[in-house]
Amino acid sequence: MLACMKFATFATFVCLALVTVQVSVRAADPDKPMFWSAAQNKDFDKKATAKLNDERHLGTERLMDSAFVAFRNGSGEAELHVKQADLLLIRSGSGTVLIGGEMIEGKPTGPDEVRGKSIAGGIRYPVTAGDTLYIPANTVHQFLMEPGQSFTAMVIKIDRKSTRLNS
């Protein structure tokens, strides 16, 4: 009986710990203003480049839960974020973002995330330093790069709202 009570207490503690971790992960964005200087932003760009995954042609440096710097030096796979839009602020370099169309061989890779081999159709948006591109939630997109091309972008994730207020 005592062993069962100890186990129940331990199990309750573990469940509470997991809930606490899950809540803290979801609440990772700060609740007060944040400022990053131009020098810090250059440092984020360098860190993203240094973390390059050669297989994915992507390196990232996270600023907070909803924003990160991405360095890309090759084409990526098709992707779709069911509940989050992407706002891309291109900081350096150039490339193309293919948006819309139909994902080929798409498979879920996580909660509300789908990745695929490529996209059939869609619209190509050439991007270069200084450009801004918004990709709505639940919209397939893919980064396409010609040999020798690369770009760095600030990526801001925007949660989709379930209702909109009329203005």
Foldseek 3Di string as FASTA:
>chain_A
DVVVVVVVVVVVVVVVVVVVVVVCLVVFDDPDDDDDDPVRVVVQVVQQVVQQDVVQQWGWDDPTDFKIKIKGQFKGWKKAQQFKKKKKQWAAWKFKKFKAAAAAQWDDPDVRMITGHYGDDGDIDIDGHGDIDIGDHGIIMIIHGDHPTMTMIMIGIDGHDPDDDDD
